[in-house]
Amino acid sequence: MIVTRFAPSPSGLLHLGHAWSASLGWRRARDGSRFLLRIEDIDPGRCRPEFDAAILEDMAWLGLGWWNGVRRQSQHFADYRAALERLQAMGLVYPCFCTRKQIEAEIAASAAAPHRPLGLIYPGTCRTLSSAEREDRLAAGENHAWRLDSAAAAALAGPLSWQEEGQGTVTVDPLVGGDVVLARKDALVSYHLAVVHDDALQGVTLVTRGQDLFHATHIHRLLQALLGYAEPAYAHHGLLTGSDGKRFAKRDRSLTIAALREAGHSPDAVLAMAQALAG
């Protein structure tokens, strides 16, 4: 049985690109399989209740029904904290006290700042702090984030791969994102840790999502291996773009599902429009 999911963030209205992504997962999960809807609302600064409600309205209007309610990540921070504590107990995460400005300054001062597909790599400033200094700074209440020690994690996990539809086996590069942040004060859990936990908890067997998250899958497979989670297959699809070649964004109001509905388009017409743009 295939279990897929659509997992938008309620930080804006859904647009044609979302309709295309959701429909791909929904189509794969018909005939006795399951399609899940998950609201990834872990960023309180950007997520809004009105966008949450709009997602449900748009999905229902498009006819993309989902199975067994909706999981909202903001209601499950204790779950993610438990996963983080497991990694802490394994000695695979460390507190990082660097501010964004400090990190940017250190990278700028480097003669050869490491740059990978997911952006500039954290230089590991706090990775080498002694246990005593870490404990003293934590006890003093210094603001900090928790980062994955990617080199130690990679050594423990060993060689990894995933199955990508249309490509076959993809070899994991566990260092592609460097020492990624797993949690911080203003975001109690990162996207990486939350999505890996929830895909495992909900029994997702096929992750369908945009090509912009392809490189993040390297990090997700590493976390899955460390936490003993089942490995899903992946299908990263192309992103819809306009005539200017730029991908659709939530700021494109005229291309939102709500605007198209108000303009008199039918659900079938909207889905056909998305399919046509996808080629």
Protein backbone atom coordinates (compact mmCIF):
# COMPACT_ATOMS: atom_id res chain seq x y z
CA MET A 1 0.00 0.00 0.00
CA ILE A 2 1.29 3.45 -0.94
CA VAL A 3 1.05 6.23 1.65
CA THR A 4 1.76 9.74 0.36
CA ARG A 5 1.29 13.17 1.88
CA PHE A 6 0.94 16.84 1.06
CA ALA A 7 2.54 19.02 3.72
CA PRO A 8 2.15 22.76 3.12
CA SER A 9 3.10 25.56 5.49
CA PRO A 10 0.25 27.97 6.34
CA SER A 11 2.35 31.05 5.59
CA GLY A 12 0.31 32.12 2.57
CA LEU A 13 -2.39 30.99 0.14
CA LEU A 14 -1.91 27.89 -1.99
CA HIS A 15 -1.09 28.55 -5.65
CA LEU A 16 -0.99 26.51 -8.84
CA GLY A 17 2.33 24.95 -7.89
CA HIS A 18 0.79 23.61 -4.69
CA ALA A 19 -2.19 22.25 -6.62
CA TRP A 20 0.18 20.37 -8.92
CA SER A 21 2.24 18.95 -6.05
CA ALA A 22 -0.82 17.90 -4.05
CA SER A 23 -2.49 16.29 -7.05
CA LEU A 24 0.59 14.20 -7.83
CA GLY A 25 0.58 12.69 -4.35
CA TRP A 26 -3.19 12.26 -4.34
CA ARG A 27 -3.15 10.42 -7.67
CA ARG A 28 -0.51 8.00 -6.42
CA ALA A 29 -2.55 7.15 -3.34
CA ARG A 30 -5.83 6.15 -4.95
CA ASP A 31 -7.21 2.61 -5.18
CA GLY A 32 -6.90 1.57 -1.55
CA SER A 33 -3.79 3.56 -0.65
CA ARG A 34 -3.66 6.62 1.57
CA PHE A 35 -3.12 10.33 0.98
CA LEU A 36 -2.37 12.42 4.07
CA LEU A 37 -2.61 16.16 4.71
CA ARG A 38 -0.13 17.62 7.17
CA ILE A 39 0.11 21.27 8.17
CA GLU A 40 3.74 22.21 8.80
CA ASP A 41 3.20 25.20 11.08
CA ILE A 42 6.35 25.16 13.22
CA ASP A 43 7.27 28.77 12.40
CA PRO A 44 5.01 30.98 14.58
CA GLY A 45 6.39 34.13 13.00
CA ARG A 46 5.09 33.27 9.51
CA CYS A 47 2.19 30.87 9.95
CA ARG A 48 -1.39 32.17 10.28
CA PRO A 49 -4.68 30.45 11.25
CA GLU A 50 -6.45 32.01 8.28
CA PHE A 51 -4.00 30.34 5.88
CA ASP A 52 -4.51 27.03 7.67
CA ALA A 53 -8.25 27.31 7.08
CA ALA A 54 -7.68 28.34 3.46
CA ILE A 55 -5.58 25.22 2.82
CA LEU A 56 -8.42 22.97 3.96
CA GLU A 57 -10.91 24.92 1.84
CA ASP A 58 -8.74 24.80 -1.27
CA MET A 59 -7.99 21.10 -0.95
CA ALA A 60 -11.66 20.23 -0.46
CA TRP A 61 -12.66 22.41 -3.42
CA LEU A 62 -10.06 20.76 -5.65
CA GLY A 63 -11.48 17.36 -4.69
CA LEU A 64 -8.19 16.18 -3.19
CA GLY A 65 -9.58 14.40 -0.16
CA TRP A 66 -7.28 13.12 2.55
CA TRP A 67 -7.35 10.23 4.99
CA ASN A 68 -7.72 10.31 8.79
CA GLY A 69 -7.72 13.96 9.79
CA VAL A 70 -4.94 16.54 9.67
CA ARG A 71 -1.69 16.51 11.65
CA ARG A 72 -0.55 19.98 12.71
CA GLN A 73 3.08 20.06 13.71
CA SER A 74 2.61 22.91 16.20
CA GLN A 75 0.63 20.49 18.39
CA HIS A 76 3.47 17.97 18.65
CA PHE A 77 6.60 19.78 19.81
CA ALA A 78 7.02 17.23 22.62
CA ASP A 79 7.44 14.51 19.97
CA TYR A 80 10.21 16.43 18.24
CA ARG A 81 11.91 17.25 21.54
CA ALA A 82 12.03 13.52 22.32
CA ALA A 83 13.67 12.83 18.94
CA LEU A 84 16.22 15.59 19.58
CA GLU A 85 16.97 14.16 23.03
CA ARG A 86 17.69 10.77 21.45
CA LEU A 87 20.29 12.39 19.21
CA GLN A 88 21.70 14.30 22.19
CA ALA A 89 22.04 11.05 24.15
CA MET A 90 23.99 9.61 21.20
CA GLY A 91 26.42 12.55 21.36
CA LEU A 92 25.49 13.69 17.85
CA VAL A 93 24.29 17.23 18.52
CA TYR A 94 25.94 20.20 20.17
CA PRO A 95 24.82 23.66 21.33
CA CYS A 96 25.81 26.52 19.03
CA PHE A 97 25.97 29.97 20.60
CA CYS A 98 26.87 31.86 17.42
CA THR A 99 24.58 34.60 16.17
CA ARG A 100 23.78 34.88 12.47
CA LYS A 101 26.01 37.94 12.23
CA GLN A 102 28.91 36.08 13.82
CA ILE A 103 28.50 33.17 11.43
CA GLU A 104 28.31 35.48 8.41
CA ALA A 105 31.41 37.38 9.58
CA GLU A 106 33.43 34.19 10.06
CA ILE A 107 32.40 32.85 6.67
CA ALA A 108 33.22 36.19 5.02
CA ALA A 109 36.67 36.15 6.63
CA SER A 110 37.41 32.70 5.26
CA ALA A 111 39.57 32.58 2.15
CA ALA A 112 37.54 29.68 0.79
CA ALA A 113 34.11 29.65 2.40
CA PRO A 114 32.55 26.21 1.85
CA HIS A 115 29.44 26.42 -0.32
CA ARG A 116 27.21 23.46 -1.10
CA PRO A 117 23.80 23.00 -2.77
CA LEU A 118 21.98 24.01 0.43
CA GLY A 119 24.00 27.20 0.84
CA LEU A 120 26.99 28.29 2.89
CA ILE A 121 28.15 25.71 5.41
CA TYR A 122 28.41 26.57 9.10
CA PRO A 123 32.16 26.67 9.90
CA GLY A 124 31.81 24.60 13.09
CA THR A 125 32.87 27.30 15.52
CA CYS A 126 31.06 25.80 18.52
CA ARG A 127 31.72 22.18 17.62
CA THR A 128 35.11 22.31 19.31
CA LEU A 129 33.98 23.88 22.59
CA SER A 130 34.83 21.80 25.63
CA SER A 131 32.07 20.06 27.56
CA ALA A 132 32.74 22.34 30.52
CA GLU A 133 32.36 25.51 28.46
CA ARG A 134 29.17 24.23 26.86
CA GLU A 135 27.69 23.41 30.25
CA ASP A 136 28.69 26.77 31.72
CA ARG A 137 27.17 28.72 28.84
CA LEU A 138 23.98 26.66 28.89
CA ALA A 139 23.70 27.14 32.66
CA ALA A 140 24.13 30.90 32.16
CA GLY A 141 21.11 30.88 29.87
CA GLU A 142 22.93 31.93 26.69
CA ASN A 143 20.79 31.82 23.58
CA HIS A 144 21.71 28.81 21.46
CA ALA A 145 20.71 26.44 18.70
CA TRP A 146 21.24 22.68 18.57
CA ARG A 147 23.26 21.53 15.57
CA LEU A 148 23.87 18.06 14.19
CA ASP A 149 27.50 17.02 14.19
CA SER A 150 27.29 15.80 10.62
CA ALA A 151 30.73 14.18 10.49
CA ALA A 152 30.11 12.15 13.65
CA ALA A 153 26.60 11.29 12.43
CA ALA A 154 27.91 10.15 9.05
CA ALA A 155 30.55 7.95 10.66
CA LEU A 156 27.93 6.27 12.82
CA ALA A 157 25.34 5.83 10.08
CA GLY A 158 27.70 4.49 7.43
CA PRO A 159 26.95 4.52 3.68
CA LEU A 160 23.36 5.49 2.82
CA SER A 161 21.19 5.88 -0.26
CA TRP A 162 17.57 6.36 -1.28
CA GLN A 163 15.35 5.29 -4.16
CA GLU A 164 14.34 8.16 -6.41
CA GLU A 165 11.63 7.59 -9.01
CA GLY A 166 13.08 8.04 -12.46
CA GLN A 167 16.68 7.91 -11.22
CA GLY A 168 17.01 4.75 -9.20
CA THR A 169 19.49 4.64 -6.35
CA VAL A 170 20.89 7.98 -5.14
CA THR A 171 23.97 7.88 -2.91
CA VAL A 172 23.67 10.07 0.18
CA ASP A 173 26.17 12.86 0.82
CA PRO A 174 25.75 13.24 4.61
CA LEU A 175 27.81 16.44 4.67
CA VAL A 176 25.77 18.27 2.03
CA GLY A 177 24.20 20.61 4.57
CA GLY A 178 27.03 20.72 7.07
CA ASP A 179 26.08 20.88 10.74
CA VAL A 180 22.42 21.75 10.19
CA VAL A 181 20.29 23.32 12.92
CA LEU A 182 17.78 20.91 14.47
CA ALA A 183 16.24 23.31 16.99
CA ARG A 184 16.63 26.83 18.34
CA LYS A 185 14.85 29.24 20.66
CA ASP A 186 12.61 30.86 18.04
CA ALA A 187 11.97 27.56 16.22
CA LEU A 188 11.64 24.66 18.64
CA VAL A 189 12.28 22.17 15.85
CA SER A 190 13.73 22.47 12.37
CA TYR A 191 11.97 21.42 9.20
CA HIS A 192 14.46 18.57 8.77
CA LEU A 193 13.79 16.90 12.11
CA ALA A 194 10.04 17.48 12.11
CA VAL A 195 9.44 16.14 8.61
CA VAL A 196 11.57 13.03 9.17
CA HIS A 197 9.77 12.28 12.44
CA ASP A 198 6.30 12.76 10.98
CA ASP A 199 6.91 10.77 7.80
CA ALA A 200 8.00 7.85 9.98
CA LEU A 201 5.16 8.24 12.48
CA GLN A 202 2.52 8.45 9.76
CA GLY A 203 3.91 5.53 7.80
CA VAL A 204 4.64 7.51 4.63
CA THR A 205 6.07 5.17 2.00
CA LEU A 206 6.43 7.63 -0.90
CA VAL A 207 7.43 11.26 -0.43
CA THR A 208 6.25 13.38 -3.38
CA ARG A 209 7.56 16.95 -3.24
CA GLY A 210 9.30 19.63 -5.25
CA GLN A 211 12.77 19.39 -6.78
CA ASP A 212 13.85 22.27 -4.54
CA LEU A 213 13.93 19.79 -1.64
CA PHE A 214 16.00 17.15 -3.44
CA HIS A 215 19.25 18.03 -1.65
CA ALA A 216 17.48 18.15 1.72
CA THR A 217 16.79 14.43 1.26
CA HIS A 218 20.46 13.73 1.96
CA ILE A 219 19.94 15.18 5.44
CA HIS A 220 16.64 13.38 5.90
CA ARG A 221 18.08 9.98 5.05
CA LEU A 222 20.88 10.57 7.57
CA LEU A 223 18.40 11.47 10.31
CA GLN A 224 16.21 8.47 9.43
CA ALA A 225 19.17 6.13 9.79
CA LEU A 226 20.27 7.66 13.11
CA LEU A 227 16.76 7.47 14.59
CA GLY A 228 15.96 4.02 13.23
CA TYR A 229 13.10 5.24 11.05
CA ALA A 230 11.82 3.37 8.00
CA GLU A 231 13.09 4.59 4.64
CA PRO A 232 10.45 5.88 2.21
CA ALA A 233 10.91 6.19 -1.53
CA TYR A 234 11.07 9.67 -3.06
CA ALA A 235 9.64 11.37 -6.13
CA HIS A 236 10.84 14.96 -6.52
CA HIS A 237 8.88 16.76 -9.22
CA GLY A 238 9.72 19.85 -11.24
CA LEU A 239 8.54 23.26 -10.07
CA LEU A 240 5.99 25.27 -12.01
CA THR A 241 7.29 28.51 -13.46
CA GLY A 242 5.77 31.50 -15.17
CA SER A 243 6.61 32.95 -18.56
CA ASP A 244 9.54 34.79 -16.95
CA GLY A 245 11.05 31.49 -15.82
CA LYS A 246 10.56 32.27 -12.14
CA ARG A 247 8.89 29.64 -9.99
CA PHE A 248 5.49 30.40 -8.54
CA ALA A 249 5.44 31.82 -5.03
CA LYS A 250 2.80 32.61 -2.44
CA ARG A 251 3.12 36.30 -3.28
CA ASP A 252 1.67 35.60 -6.76
CA ARG A 253 -1.89 36.44 -5.74
CA SER A 254 -3.41 36.03 -9.20
CA LEU A 255 -2.28 32.40 -9.31
CA THR A 256 -3.63 31.34 -5.92
CA ILE A 257 -6.35 28.70 -5.81
CA ALA A 258 -8.66 31.17 -4.09
CA ALA A 259 -8.20 33.79 -6.82
CA LEU A 260 -8.74 31.26 -9.60
CA ARG A 261 -11.88 30.01 -7.87
CA GLU A 262 -13.21 33.54 -7.50
CA ALA A 263 -12.46 34.15 -11.18
CA GLY A 264 -14.88 31.36 -12.08
CA HIS A 265 -12.52 28.51 -12.88
CA SER A 266 -13.65 24.99 -11.99
CA PRO A 267 -11.52 22.56 -9.96
CA ASP A 268 -10.88 20.46 -13.06
CA ALA A 269 -9.83 23.55 -14.99
CA VAL A 270 -7.37 24.58 -12.28
CA LEU A 271 -5.80 21.13 -12.14
CA ALA A 272 -5.62 21.02 -15.95
CA MET A 273 -3.95 24.44 -15.90
CA ALA A 274 -1.35 23.17 -13.45
CA GLN A 275 -0.74 20.05 -15.52
CA ALA A 276 -0.32 22.10 -18.68
CA LEU A 277 2.27 24.34 -17.01
CA ALA A 278 4.11 21.23 -15.79
CA GLY A 279 4.32 19.98 -19.35
